[in-house]
Amino acid sequence: MNRAQETTAPSIAECREELSSVVKSRTFRQSPRLARLLEYLCSKSVTRESHAVNEHMIGVDVFGKPLDFKESTDSTVRVEMHRLRKRLAAFYEEEGAGHKLRIVVSPGKYATDFIVLHTDEGANAPETGSLLTRLGKRRLILIAVTAAVVTGCCAVAVVAWRAGNRDRTVASHVAAAPLLSDELHFLAGYAGDPWVDSAGRHWQRDRYYQGGIALPGVKELVPPPPDRRLFQTMRAGSHAGELTDDGGTFAYDIPMKPGTYELFLHFADPLRESAQLPDRQDGQNLRHFTIRVNGEPVLNRIDVVADGGTAAVDVRAFKDIRPAADGRVHLQFVPDPNEPFVNALELVPSRPGHANPIRITARPSVYTDAQGRRWGPDDYFVGGSVIANPVPAAAANLPELYWAERYGNFAYAIPVPPGVYSLTLYFAETFFAPAAASPICRGPGCRVFDVSCNGASLLRDFDVFKAAGAAYRPAIRTFHGLRPNGQGKLLVSFSPAVDYGEVRAIEVLDETPEPRTTSDH
């Protein structure tokens, strides 16, 4: 048996490493659009959906095109696919020339394949017409990417809300013999196929509900949230968005494995865009409802429009959620007095007494740093813009965590349960650097801004360049003893003084003291 025949599929670790090395390479570093496109195509292969990927899906999911965009008049996707193939070829001709494992996107396809490249000098295999024998000494073995190969290393996948799919009947969906899970993410009112978001979360269709009706979500979200797809459907007690008081109760009875969980609830109220609103009314104080977990109220008379403030969406977090005696987490959405609703629900394992760490970067995809910490893509922002400024070769030691920034007059509304938290902000100056192409200003004094959390000042007249001591150097600031505001948020605001504020990454850690026991006395 020759060595070509002995070749086996690459391991999960090998494929992860290869994808990571490609998107981190110098060839792809200056093109986050192409890196995002590559990760998306991989994610569709992971979920075995590559056969369904088309030009329109890529335009909407990767490049932010509107749902009604016409690929016949917009060539963005075709152009970027051509650029991606050229960029991959360039990478493997130069930086990746020595790689034995390669990523290939064949012409005419919207799917990725992993190829094992090896040489077998002494093999004398007969001519069979196979790809291996046609290639002679340098042989490629094409291995389709499976769900087990690159799980956890790809980014975005989505199926949009299907127009007209409105379930206006009182519904029930509780599995007779449910499969217990240790993590759930699902979209209320959604009946489409599962998809994977840029943080690697697998979103499922609506399930485990009792009562309520499925409705479309908000059409226009201003300012745009990190992922509008979470809000394209909803489950409501009645026709949410109409100014009535006749909404009914609905519930979720979710089977979960024994353990402690963190619960996230996502809301976007249609009242924000209702034609019934009086002049100069923004939808506040028009809808109130109560939410119970296992019979106990966790939110009394919540008003999600007021709760979200300037954001178009509202996210609330709760820790120490455990299944009841019957093995289910019971959620009730009760009129108080108006119709309740919810757009998305998540249950994620956590440590008793503590919320999970929150680590986000101004990047479109997940990043794992040298310490093994997992950083999610940009999330919970309100306003601002993202940019990745070129990093010169002389500053190549700047960690990848700092390669992109959110800048402007913006905030992060980070949902956390009651407790005590530390907040760490990561900065770097790459725009007003002496070697940058910006003709506006260079060096200290070009960017000065304030940072506050829930109205309390954290940084005053902060100059990233001065704080770091030079361009292309990290500046890190940590603050302790922070508590969420009345809306369950750490509202971190960046207010410009000279030019715009900026941040590269944010880390929130639960520092709530462990509860005292009798043995502590």
Protein backbone atom coordinates (compact mmCIF):
# COMPACT_ATOMS: atom_id res chain seq x y z
CA MET A 1 0.00 0.00 0.00
CA ASN A 2 1.50 3.36 -0.97
CA ARG A 3 1.50 6.40 1.22
CA ALA A 4 -1.26 8.07 -0.78
CA GLN A 5 -3.57 5.24 0.17
CA GLU A 6 -2.54 5.44 3.82
CA THR A 7 -3.60 9.08 4.17
CA THR A 8 -6.35 9.75 6.68
CA ALA A 9 -8.54 12.79 7.27
CA PRO A 10 -6.91 15.62 9.20
CA SER A 11 -7.73 15.94 12.88
CA ILE A 12 -10.00 18.58 14.36
CA ALA A 13 -7.01 20.38 15.86
CA GLU A 14 -5.18 20.43 12.51
CA CYS A 15 -8.15 21.96 10.70
CA ARG A 16 -8.69 24.55 13.41
CA GLU A 17 -5.04 25.49 13.26
CA GLU A 18 -5.10 25.81 9.48
CA LEU A 19 -8.19 28.04 9.38
CA SER A 20 -6.77 30.18 12.18
CA SER A 21 -3.39 30.54 10.44
CA VAL A 22 -5.09 31.61 7.21
CA VAL A 23 -7.27 34.35 8.71
CA LYS A 24 -4.39 35.57 10.92
CA SER A 25 -1.89 35.64 8.07
CA ARG A 26 -0.37 38.76 6.58
CA THR A 27 -2.17 37.91 3.34
CA PHE A 28 -5.61 38.07 5.00
CA ARG A 29 -4.84 40.51 7.81
CA GLN A 30 -5.71 43.56 5.71
CA SER A 31 -8.93 42.04 4.36
CA PRO A 32 -11.37 41.24 7.19
CA ARG A 33 -14.17 40.99 4.60
CA LEU A 34 -12.49 38.03 2.94
CA ALA A 35 -11.64 36.44 6.29
CA ARG A 36 -15.28 36.76 7.30
CA LEU A 37 -16.39 35.25 3.99
CA LEU A 38 -14.04 32.29 4.43
CA GLU A 39 -15.28 31.65 7.97
CA TYR A 40 -18.87 31.81 6.77
CA LEU A 41 -18.30 29.25 4.03
CA CYS A 42 -16.62 26.96 6.56
CA SER A 43 -19.54 27.34 8.96
CA LYS A 44 -21.99 26.23 6.28
CA SER A 45 -19.86 23.16 5.66
CA VAL A 46 -19.82 22.49 9.41
CA THR A 47 -23.62 22.50 9.54
CA ARG A 48 -23.83 20.49 6.31
CA GLU A 49 -25.66 23.36 4.62
CA SER A 50 -23.09 24.16 1.95
CA HIS A 51 -25.34 22.69 -0.74
CA ALA A 52 -27.96 25.35 0.08
CA VAL A 53 -25.62 28.35 0.09
CA ASN A 54 -26.23 30.81 -2.72
CA GLU A 55 -25.18 34.27 -3.76
CA HIS A 56 -28.13 35.97 -2.10
CA MET A 57 -27.50 34.29 1.29
CA ILE A 58 -23.86 35.37 1.26
CA GLY A 59 -24.81 38.94 0.35
CA VAL A 60 -27.20 39.20 3.30
CA ASP A 61 -25.28 37.20 5.91
CA VAL A 62 -21.70 38.25 5.22
CA PHE A 63 -21.86 41.64 3.54
CA GLY A 64 -24.94 43.07 5.27
CA LYS A 65 -27.04 43.48 2.14
CA PRO A 66 -30.78 44.12 2.66
CA LEU A 67 -33.03 41.08 2.40
CA ASP A 68 -34.47 42.37 -0.90
CA PHE A 69 -31.13 42.98 -2.61
CA LYS A 70 -30.86 41.71 -6.19
CA GLU A 71 -27.73 39.75 -7.08
CA SER A 72 -28.53 40.34 -10.76
CA THR A 73 -27.67 44.04 -10.33
CA ASP A 74 -25.17 43.78 -7.47
CA SER A 75 -21.98 41.82 -8.19
CA THR A 76 -20.46 42.17 -4.71
CA VAL A 77 -20.61 38.48 -3.87
CA ARG A 78 -19.19 37.32 -7.21
CA VAL A 79 -16.36 39.83 -6.96
CA GLU A 80 -15.53 38.88 -3.36
CA MET A 81 -15.64 35.14 -4.12
CA HIS A 82 -13.16 35.73 -6.96
CA ARG A 83 -10.95 37.77 -4.61
CA LEU A 84 -11.14 35.05 -1.95
CA ARG A 85 -9.93 32.35 -4.34
CA LYS A 86 -7.08 34.58 -5.51
CA ARG A 87 -6.15 35.48 -1.93
CA LEU A 88 -6.12 31.82 -0.88
CA ALA A 89 -3.94 30.93 -3.86
CA ALA A 90 -1.56 33.77 -2.99
CA PHE A 91 -1.38 32.63 0.62
CA TYR A 92 -0.46 29.06 -0.32
CA GLU A 93 2.10 30.27 -2.87
CA GLU A 94 3.90 32.41 -0.29
CA GLU A 95 3.19 32.30 3.46
CA GLY A 96 1.47 28.93 3.39
CA ALA A 97 3.73 27.26 0.83
CA GLY A 98 4.93 24.74 3.40
CA HIS A 99 1.49 23.84 4.70
CA LYS A 100 0.47 20.21 4.25
CA LEU A 101 -3.20 21.04 4.90
CA ARG A 102 -4.92 23.57 2.65
CA ILE A 103 -8.34 25.20 2.33
CA VAL A 104 -9.84 25.24 -1.16
CA VAL A 105 -12.90 27.03 -2.55
CA SER A 106 -13.44 25.59 -6.01
CA PRO A 107 -14.70 27.84 -8.84
CA GLY A 108 -18.46 27.79 -9.13
CA LYS A 109 -18.89 26.48 -5.56
CA TYR A 110 -19.88 28.17 -2.30
CA ALA A 111 -18.31 25.49 -0.11
CA THR A 112 -14.91 24.90 1.43
CA ASP A 113 -12.86 21.71 1.20
CA PHE A 114 -9.75 20.76 3.14
CA ILE A 115 -6.96 19.22 1.07
CA VAL A 116 -4.03 17.20 2.41
CA LEU A 117 -0.88 17.85 0.38
CA HIS A 118 1.97 15.32 0.58
CA THR A 119 4.76 13.82 -1.47
CA ASP A 120 5.40 10.13 -1.97
CA GLU A 121 8.61 9.90 -3.97
CA GLY A 122 8.83 6.10 -4.03
CA ALA A 123 5.25 5.17 -4.82
CA ASN A 124 4.62 3.50 -8.15
CA ALA A 125 0.85 3.35 -8.18
CA PRO A 126 -0.77 2.26 -11.42
CA GLU A 127 -2.58 4.82 -13.53
CA THR A 128 -6.22 4.65 -12.50
CA GLY A 129 -7.42 8.02 -13.65
CA SER A 130 -7.85 9.19 -10.06
CA LEU A 131 -6.92 12.63 -8.89
CA LEU A 132 -3.98 11.14 -6.98
CA THR A 133 -2.31 9.43 -9.94
CA ARG A 134 -2.95 12.35 -12.29
CA LEU A 135 -1.00 14.62 -9.95
CA GLY A 136 2.08 12.36 -9.84
CA LYS A 137 4.58 13.02 -7.05
CA ARG A 138 2.64 15.87 -5.45
CA ARG A 139 -0.68 14.33 -4.53
CA LEU A 140 -3.81 16.01 -3.21
CA ILE A 141 -6.43 14.14 -1.28
CA LEU A 142 -9.71 16.00 -1.20
CA ILE A 143 -11.53 15.60 2.08
CA ALA A 144 -14.96 17.14 2.57
CA VAL A 145 -15.28 19.18 5.73
CA THR A 146 -17.68 17.51 8.18
CA ALA A 147 -19.38 18.83 11.26
CA ALA A 148 -16.84 17.05 13.48
CA VAL A 149 -13.85 18.61 11.73
CA VAL A 150 -14.14 22.30 12.39
CA THR A 151 -16.75 22.61 15.11
CA GLY A 152 -16.16 25.79 17.06
CA CYS A 153 -13.85 27.53 14.61
CA CYS A 154 -16.25 29.08 12.09
CA ALA A 155 -18.45 32.11 12.22
CA VAL A 156 -21.78 32.98 10.71
CA ALA A 157 -24.79 31.13 9.30
CA VAL A 158 -28.41 32.23 8.96
CA VAL A 159 -31.82 31.49 7.51
CA ALA A 160 -33.95 34.65 7.20
CA TRP A 161 -37.54 34.93 8.30
CA ARG A 162 -39.78 33.58 5.55
CA ALA A 163 -42.22 36.30 4.50
CA GLY A 164 -45.81 35.59 5.37
CA ASN A 165 -45.05 32.78 7.84
CA ARG A 166 -47.34 34.05 10.58
CA ASP A 167 -48.74 31.52 13.02
CA ARG A 168 -51.77 33.24 14.50
CA THR A 169 -53.16 30.24 16.32
CA VAL A 170 -52.69 29.44 19.97
CA ALA A 171 -49.91 26.87 19.83
CA SER A 172 -48.23 24.22 21.90
CA HIS A 173 -44.90 22.52 21.32
CA VAL A 174 -43.65 20.40 24.18
CA ALA A 175 -41.76 17.28 23.12
CA ALA A 176 -43.23 14.05 24.49
CA ALA A 177 -39.77 12.60 25.11
CA PRO A 178 -37.41 15.60 24.99
CA LEU A 179 -33.67 15.24 24.62
CA LEU A 180 -32.06 16.82 27.64
CA SER A 181 -29.59 19.54 26.78
CA ASP A 182 -26.87 21.43 28.64
CA GLU A 183 -27.11 24.52 26.39
CA LEU A 184 -29.95 25.98 24.35
CA HIS A 185 -30.33 28.93 22.00
CA PHE A 186 -33.62 29.32 20.17
CA LEU A 187 -35.68 31.97 18.43
CA ALA A 188 -39.22 32.53 19.63
CA GLY A 189 -41.76 32.22 16.81
CA TYR A 190 -39.16 30.91 14.35
CA ALA A 191 -39.98 27.85 12.25
CA GLY A 192 -37.00 27.75 9.87
CA ASP A 193 -33.79 25.76 9.75
CA PRO A 194 -31.08 25.99 12.45
CA TRP A 195 -28.17 28.34 11.85
CA VAL A 196 -24.89 29.33 13.49
CA ASP A 197 -24.05 32.93 14.37
CA SER A 198 -20.66 34.64 14.37
CA ALA A 199 -20.07 33.65 18.00
CA GLY A 200 -20.57 29.97 17.16
CA ARG A 201 -23.97 29.71 18.86
CA HIS A 202 -26.37 27.22 17.25
CA TRP A 203 -29.82 28.82 17.04
CA GLN A 204 -32.82 26.49 16.83
CA ARG A 205 -36.46 26.93 15.89
CA ASP A 206 -39.09 27.74 18.51
CA ARG A 207 -39.85 24.85 20.87
CA TYR A 208 -41.15 23.82 24.31
CA TYR A 209 -43.81 26.55 24.30
CA GLN A 210 -47.37 26.56 25.65
CA GLY A 211 -49.74 29.18 24.26
CA GLY A 212 -48.98 32.46 22.56
CA ILE A 213 -48.75 33.12 18.84
CA ALA A 214 -45.81 33.40 16.46
CA LEU A 215 -45.40 36.78 14.76
CA PRO A 216 -42.83 38.60 12.61
CA GLY A 217 -40.43 40.83 14.52
CA VAL A 218 -39.52 44.47 14.09
CA LYS A 219 -38.81 45.46 10.48
CA GLU A 220 -36.47 48.39 11.16
CA LEU A 221 -34.02 48.42 14.06
CA VAL A 222 -32.39 51.83 14.62
CA PRO A 223 -29.65 51.96 15.71
CA PRO A 224 -28.85 48.55 14.23
CA PRO A 225 -28.11 45.82 16.80
CA PRO A 226 -25.15 43.43 16.54
CA ASP A 227 -27.35 40.72 14.96
CA ARG A 228 -30.77 41.69 13.66
CA ARG A 229 -31.61 38.07 12.91
CA LEU A 230 -32.36 37.43 16.59
CA PHE A 231 -35.32 39.78 16.31
CA GLN A 232 -36.97 38.79 13.05
CA THR A 233 -39.58 36.65 14.84
CA MET A 234 -41.30 36.67 18.21
CA ARG A 235 -43.78 34.80 20.39
CA ALA A 236 -46.44 37.02 21.93
CA GLY A 237 -49.53 36.77 24.11
CA SER A 238 -51.58 38.45 21.37
CA HIS A 239 -50.97 40.70 18.38
CA ALA A 240 -47.93 42.44 19.84
CA GLY A 241 -47.56 46.01 18.60
CA GLU A 242 -51.27 46.81 18.86
CA LEU A 243 -52.23 49.03 21.79
CA THR A 244 -54.51 46.59 23.61
CA ASP A 245 -54.72 45.13 27.10
CA ASP A 246 -56.07 41.71 26.19
CA GLY A 247 -52.82 39.80 25.85
CA GLY A 248 -52.68 36.30 27.29
CA THR A 249 -50.08 34.36 29.19
CA PHE A 250 -47.70 32.03 27.38
CA ALA A 251 -44.97 29.82 28.76
CA TYR A 252 -41.89 27.74 28.02
CA ASP A 253 -41.17 24.44 29.79
CA ILE A 254 -37.59 23.66 28.79
CA PRO A 255 -36.00 20.29 29.65
CA MET A 256 -32.41 20.76 30.82
CA LYS A 257 -29.74 18.59 32.36
CA PRO A 258 -29.20 19.09 36.12
CA GLY A 259 -26.93 22.05 36.78
CA THR A 260 -26.71 25.82 37.04
CA TYR A 261 -27.43 28.06 34.07
CA GLU A 262 -27.40 31.65 32.95
CA LEU A 263 -30.60 32.79 31.18
CA PHE A 264 -30.64 35.45 28.46
CA LEU A 265 -33.87 36.96 27.10
CA HIS A 266 -33.83 39.12 23.96
CA PHE A 267 -36.49 41.72 23.12
CA ALA A 268 -37.24 44.23 20.33
CA ASP A 269 -40.65 45.84 20.82
CA PRO A 270 -42.74 46.55 17.67
CA LEU A 271 -44.28 49.49 19.52
CA ARG A 272 -41.19 51.47 18.59
CA GLU A 273 -42.40 51.57 14.97
CA SER A 274 -46.16 51.38 15.56
CA ALA A 275 -48.30 53.76 13.51
CA GLN A 276 -50.62 54.00 16.53
CA LEU A 277 -48.09 55.92 18.62
CA PRO A 278 -49.06 59.51 19.51
CA ASP A 279 -46.81 62.28 18.22
CA ARG A 280 -43.48 62.56 20.03
CA GLN A 281 -44.07 59.22 21.73
CA ASP A 282 -41.27 56.64 21.53
CA GLY A 283 -43.15 53.61 22.85
CA GLN A 284 -42.14 53.90 26.50
CA ASN A 285 -44.68 53.22 29.25
CA LEU A 286 -47.13 51.54 26.86
CA ARG A 287 -46.40 47.85 27.51
CA HIS A 288 -45.73 46.21 30.87
CA PHE A 289 -45.56 42.51 31.62
CA THR A 290 -44.08 40.17 34.20
CA ILE A 291 -41.69 37.24 33.74
CA ARG A 292 -41.47 34.31 36.13
CA VAL A 293 -38.88 31.54 36.33
CA ASN A 294 -40.01 28.35 38.06
CA GLY A 295 -42.91 30.28 39.56
CA GLU A 296 -40.82 33.13 40.99
CA PRO A 297 -40.96 36.63 39.41
CA VAL A 298 -37.61 37.77 37.98
CA LEU A 299 -38.92 40.89 36.21
CA ASN A 300 -42.00 42.73 37.42
CA ARG A 301 -43.83 44.98 34.95
CA ILE A 302 -40.88 45.24 32.63
CA ASP A 303 -41.09 47.91 29.90
CA VAL A 304 -38.50 46.76 27.35
CA VAL A 305 -38.57 50.04 25.39
CA ALA A 306 -37.64 52.02 28.48
CA ASP A 307 -35.33 49.21 29.58
CA GLY A 308 -33.33 49.38 26.33
CA GLY A 309 -32.92 53.16 26.43
CA THR A 310 -31.30 54.45 23.24
CA ALA A 311 -30.76 50.89 21.96
CA ALA A 312 -33.32 49.37 19.60
CA VAL A 313 -33.17 46.06 21.48
CA ASP A 314 -33.07 44.94 25.09
CA VAL A 315 -31.24 41.93 26.56
CA ARG A 316 -31.67 40.77 30.16
CA ALA A 317 -29.49 38.23 31.98
CA PHE A 318 -30.19 36.04 35.02
CA LYS A 319 -27.84 33.70 36.89
CA ASP A 320 -28.35 30.68 39.14
CA ILE A 321 -31.17 29.28 37.00
CA ARG A 322 -31.79 25.59 37.75
CA PRO A 323 -34.32 23.06 36.47
CA ALA A 324 -37.31 22.48 38.72
CA ALA A 325 -38.04 19.10 40.31
CA ASP A 326 -39.50 17.85 37.02
CA GLY A 327 -36.22 18.54 35.17
CA ARG A 328 -37.54 21.58 33.29
CA VAL A 329 -36.93 25.31 33.47
CA HIS A 330 -40.37 26.94 33.52
CA LEU A 331 -40.69 30.45 32.06
CA GLN A 332 -43.96 32.36 32.22
CA PHE A 333 -44.70 35.58 30.34
CA VAL A 334 -47.69 37.18 32.05
CA PRO A 335 -49.72 40.30 31.07
CA ASP A 336 -49.28 43.04 33.67
CA PRO A 337 -51.52 44.41 32.23
CA ASN A 338 -50.31 44.40 28.58
CA GLU A 339 -49.45 41.59 26.18
CA PRO A 340 -46.04 39.95 26.82
CA PHE A 341 -43.60 38.86 24.12
CA VAL A 342 -40.05 37.58 23.63
CA ASN A 343 -37.77 37.28 20.58
CA ALA A 344 -35.03 34.85 21.65
CA LEU A 345 -34.01 32.73 24.64
CA GLU A 346 -30.71 31.23 25.79
CA LEU A 347 -29.74 28.90 28.62
CA VAL A 348 -25.98 28.52 29.09
CA PRO A 349 -24.14 26.52 31.78
CA SER A 350 -22.49 28.68 34.45
CA ARG A 351 -20.80 28.46 37.82
CA PRO A 352 -23.13 28.70 40.85
CA GLY A 353 -23.31 32.24 42.16
CA HIS A 354 -21.47 33.75 39.19
CA ALA A 355 -22.25 34.92 35.69
CA ASN A 356 -20.05 33.72 32.85
CA PRO A 357 -17.16 35.97 31.77
CA ILE A 358 -18.02 38.35 28.95
CA ARG A 359 -15.19 38.96 26.49
CA ILE A 360 -15.88 40.84 23.26
CA THR A 361 -13.69 42.37 20.58
CA ALA A 362 -14.32 44.77 17.70
CA ARG A 363 -14.01 41.81 15.34
CA PRO A 364 -16.52 39.89 13.20
CA SER A 365 -15.58 36.45 14.53
CA VAL A 366 -14.37 34.52 17.56
CA TYR A 367 -10.74 34.93 18.64
CA THR A 368 -8.72 32.81 21.07
CA ASP A 369 -5.73 34.57 22.60
CA ALA A 370 -2.37 33.16 23.67
CA GLN A 371 -3.74 32.45 27.17
CA GLY A 372 -6.51 30.31 25.71
CA ARG A 373 -9.25 32.84 26.51
CA ARG A 374 -12.12 32.91 24.03
CA TRP A 375 -13.20 36.35 22.84
CA GLY A 376 -16.55 36.71 21.12
CA PRO A 377 -17.27 39.02 18.18
CA ASP A 378 -18.42 42.59 18.78
CA ASP A 379 -21.69 42.58 20.76
CA TYR A 380 -24.01 44.78 22.88
CA PHE A 381 -22.82 47.99 21.18
CA VAL A 382 -25.05 51.02 20.67
CA GLY A 383 -23.78 53.26 17.88
CA GLY A 384 -20.26 53.80 16.58
CA SER A 385 -18.41 52.14 13.74
CA VAL A 386 -15.76 49.43 13.36
CA ILE A 387 -12.52 49.74 11.42
CA ALA A 388 -9.34 47.68 11.12
CA ASN A 389 -6.41 50.03 10.51
CA PRO A 390 -3.30 48.62 8.82
CA VAL A 391 -0.58 47.53 11.22
CA PRO A 392 2.93 48.02 9.82
CA ALA A 393 5.41 45.16 9.80
CA ALA A 394 7.47 46.98 12.43
CA ALA A 395 4.52 46.70 14.83
CA ALA A 396 3.62 43.11 14.02
CA ASN A 397 3.98 42.18 17.70
CA LEU A 398 0.73 44.01 18.46
CA PRO A 399 -1.61 41.18 19.55
CA GLU A 400 -4.44 40.35 17.18
CA LEU A 401 -6.89 41.36 19.89
CA TYR A 402 -6.04 44.98 19.03
CA TRP A 403 -6.26 44.84 15.24
CA ALA A 404 -9.74 46.39 15.01
CA GLU A 405 -11.49 49.15 16.94
CA ARG A 406 -15.00 50.47 17.58
CA TYR A 407 -14.87 54.25 17.41
CA GLY A 408 -17.21 57.26 17.52
CA ASN A 409 -19.67 58.48 20.14
CA PHE A 410 -20.94 55.10 21.29
CA ALA A 411 -21.74 52.82 24.22
CA TYR A 412 -21.95 49.18 25.20
CA ALA A 413 -25.10 48.06 27.07
CA ILE A 414 -23.74 44.84 28.59
CA PRO A 415 -26.45 42.71 30.27
CA VAL A 416 -25.42 41.23 33.62
CA PRO A 417 -27.36 39.75 36.55
CA PRO A 418 -27.28 41.49 39.93
CA GLY A 419 -23.79 41.27 41.42
CA VAL A 420 -20.37 42.96 41.55
CA TYR A 421 -18.20 43.10 38.45
CA SER A 422 -14.81 44.13 37.15
CA LEU A 423 -14.53 45.86 33.79
CA THR A 424 -11.34 45.80 31.71
CA LEU A 425 -10.97 48.01 28.63
CA TYR A 426 -8.32 47.33 25.99
CA PHE A 427 -7.03 50.21 23.85
CA ALA A 428 -4.38 50.84 21.19
CA GLU A 429 -3.65 53.76 18.86
CA THR A 430 -3.25 52.72 15.22
CA PHE A 431 -5.03 55.58 13.44
CA PHE A 432 -3.22 58.65 14.77
CA ALA A 433 0.13 56.84 14.79
CA PRO A 434 3.23 58.54 13.31
CA ALA A 435 3.52 55.84 10.64
CA ALA A 436 -0.21 55.88 9.76
CA ALA A 437 -1.52 57.32 6.53
CA SER A 438 -3.87 59.73 8.30
CA PRO A 439 -3.08 63.34 7.32
CA ILE A 440 -5.24 64.76 10.12
CA CYS A 441 -3.05 64.40 13.18
CA ARG A 442 -0.34 62.15 14.54
CA GLY A 443 0.80 61.41 18.06
CA PRO A 444 -0.48 62.49 21.50
CA GLY A 445 -3.39 64.89 21.77
CA CYS A 446 -5.08 63.73 18.56
CA ARG A 447 -7.63 61.54 20.33
CA VAL A 448 -8.99 62.44 23.77
CA PHE A 449 -12.22 61.10 25.26
CA ASP A 450 -14.09 60.21 28.45
CA VAL A 451 -15.38 56.82 29.58
CA SER A 452 -18.18 56.30 32.08
CA CYS A 453 -20.15 53.35 33.42
CA ASN A 454 -23.78 53.86 34.42
CA GLY A 455 -23.09 57.60 34.63
CA ALA A 456 -20.03 57.33 36.88
CA SER A 457 -16.75 58.56 35.39
CA LEU A 458 -14.07 55.93 34.80
CA LEU A 459 -11.61 57.81 32.57
CA ARG A 460 -11.36 61.55 32.09
CA ASP A 461 -9.54 63.14 29.13
CA PHE A 462 -8.08 59.78 28.22
CA ASP A 463 -5.39 59.82 25.49
CA VAL A 464 -4.64 56.32 24.22
CA PHE A 465 -1.33 57.29 22.60
CA LYS A 466 -0.11 58.95 25.80
CA ALA A 467 -1.38 56.15 28.04
CA ALA A 468 0.36 53.46 25.95
CA GLY A 469 3.58 55.46 25.59
CA ALA A 470 3.63 55.02 21.81
CA ALA A 471 1.56 53.89 18.86
CA TYR A 472 0.82 50.21 18.27
CA ARG A 473 1.13 49.45 21.97
CA PRO A 474 -1.70 48.19 24.19
CA ALA A 475 -3.15 50.33 26.96
CA ILE A 476 -5.26 48.42 29.48
CA ARG A 477 -7.44 49.84 32.24
CA THR A 478 -9.35 47.77 34.84
CA PHE A 479 -12.10 48.93 37.21
CA HIS A 480 -13.58 46.97 40.11
CA GLY A 481 -16.73 47.08 42.21
CA LEU A 482 -19.15 47.91 39.40
CA ARG A 483 -22.84 47.03 39.70
CA PRO A 484 -25.54 46.90 37.01
CA ASN A 485 -28.02 49.76 36.71
CA GLY A 486 -31.77 49.42 37.20
CA GLN A 487 -32.08 47.96 33.70
CA GLY A 488 -29.60 45.14 34.41
CA LYS A 489 -26.79 46.66 32.34
CA LEU A 490 -23.25 47.89 32.61
CA LEU A 491 -23.76 50.88 30.31
CA VAL A 492 -20.22 51.79 29.26
CA SER A 493 -20.20 55.10 27.36
CA PHE A 494 -17.36 56.55 25.25
CA SER A 495 -17.76 60.33 24.85
CA PRO A 496 -15.43 62.25 22.49
CA ALA A 497 -13.55 65.37 23.56
CA VAL A 498 -10.97 65.59 20.75
CA ASP A 499 -11.93 63.48 17.74
CA TYR A 500 -13.58 60.13 18.58
CA GLY A 501 -13.37 57.65 21.41
CA GLU A 502 -12.26 54.09 20.69
CA VAL A 503 -11.90 50.63 22.23
CA ARG A 504 -10.46 47.32 21.01
CA ALA A 505 -11.91 44.81 23.46
CA ILE A 506 -13.96 44.63 26.66
CA GLU A 507 -13.87 42.07 29.46
CA VAL A 508 -16.43 41.76 32.25
CA LEU A 509 -15.85 39.34 35.15
CA ASP A 510 -18.24 38.51 37.97
CA GLU A 511 -16.53 39.34 41.28
CA THR A 512 -19.55 38.79 43.50
CA PRO A 513 -18.28 37.48 46.86
CA GLU A 514 -19.01 33.86 47.61
CA PRO A 515 -21.95 33.49 50.02
CA ARG A 516 -20.93 33.04 53.64
CA THR A 517 -21.63 29.71 55.29
CA THR A 518 -21.83 28.72 58.93
CA SER A 519 -18.25 27.40 58.72
CA ASP A 520 -17.08 30.96 57.97
CA HIS A 521 -17.96 32.14 61.45
